[in-house]
């Protein structure tokens, strides 16, 4: 799987997208390809896992 860094992006719009907007664009590329959707779902699960935190009061 190939990932681009922000500096390597050829499309300036991509650099301004939120995670959910990017996910939606990726899914729209090939929504019927099970392997494609599974990869995106795994990436999303990892994103949210790394984004979780704890509330301390």
Protein backbone atom coordinates (compact mmCIF):
# COMPACT_ATOMS: atom_id res chain seq x y z
CA UNK A 1 0.00 0.00 0.00
CA UNK A 2 1.36 3.41 -0.96
CA UNK A 3 0.90 6.39 1.33
CA UNK A 4 1.77 9.97 0.53
CA UNK A 5 2.99 12.55 2.94
CA UNK A 6 1.57 16.05 2.87
CA UNK A 7 4.61 17.35 1.01
CA UNK A 8 4.30 14.65 -1.68
CA UNK A 9 0.63 15.32 -2.41
CA UNK A 10 -0.09 16.26 -6.02
CA UNK A 11 -3.59 17.49 -5.18
CA UNK A 12 -3.69 20.50 -2.82
CA UNK A 13 -7.34 19.76 -2.01
CA UNK A 14 -6.35 16.48 -0.32
CA UNK A 15 -4.20 18.35 2.18
CA UNK A 16 -7.22 20.33 3.40
CA UNK A 17 -9.64 17.41 3.87
CA UNK A 18 -10.65 16.10 7.27
CA UNK A 19 -10.19 12.41 7.94
CA UNK A 20 -13.85 11.66 7.32
CA UNK A 21 -13.89 13.62 4.05
CA UNK A 22 -10.81 11.74 2.87
CA UNK A 23 -12.38 8.41 3.87
CA UNK A 24 -15.50 9.24 1.87
CA UNK A 25 -13.44 10.16 -1.21
CA UNK A 26 -11.44 6.94 -0.94
CA UNK A 27 -14.60 4.85 -0.62
CA UNK A 28 -16.10 6.59 -3.65
CA UNK A 29 -13.16 5.43 -5.78
CA UNK A 30 -14.30 1.81 -5.73
CA UNK A 31 -17.22 1.20 -3.34
CA UNK A 32 -17.95 -2.30 -4.64
CA UNK A 33 -14.42 -3.69 -4.22
CA UNK A 34 -14.51 -5.59 -0.93
CA UNK A 35 -10.72 -5.55 -0.45
CA UNK A 36 -10.61 -1.78 -1.02
CA UNK A 37 -13.40 -1.16 1.50
CA UNK A 38 -11.80 -3.50 4.06
CA UNK A 39 -8.48 -1.62 3.83
CA UNK A 40 -10.22 1.70 4.35
CA UNK A 41 -12.21 0.35 7.29
CA UNK A 42 -9.04 -0.99 8.93
CA UNK A 43 -7.32 2.36 8.44
CA UNK A 44 -10.32 4.13 9.95
CA UNK A 45 -10.37 1.81 12.97
CA UNK A 46 -6.67 2.46 13.55
CA UNK A 47 -7.18 6.22 13.18
CA UNK A 48 -9.91 6.27 15.83
CA UNK A 49 -7.94 3.97 18.14
CA UNK A 50 -4.94 6.31 17.98
CA UNK A 51 -7.23 9.33 18.49
CA UNK A 52 -8.87 8.05 21.65
CA UNK A 53 -8.08 9.64 24.94
CA UNK A 54 -9.20 9.70 28.52
CA UNK A 55 -11.23 12.30 30.32
CA UNK A 56 -9.96 13.22 33.72
CA UNK A 57 -12.11 15.30 35.99
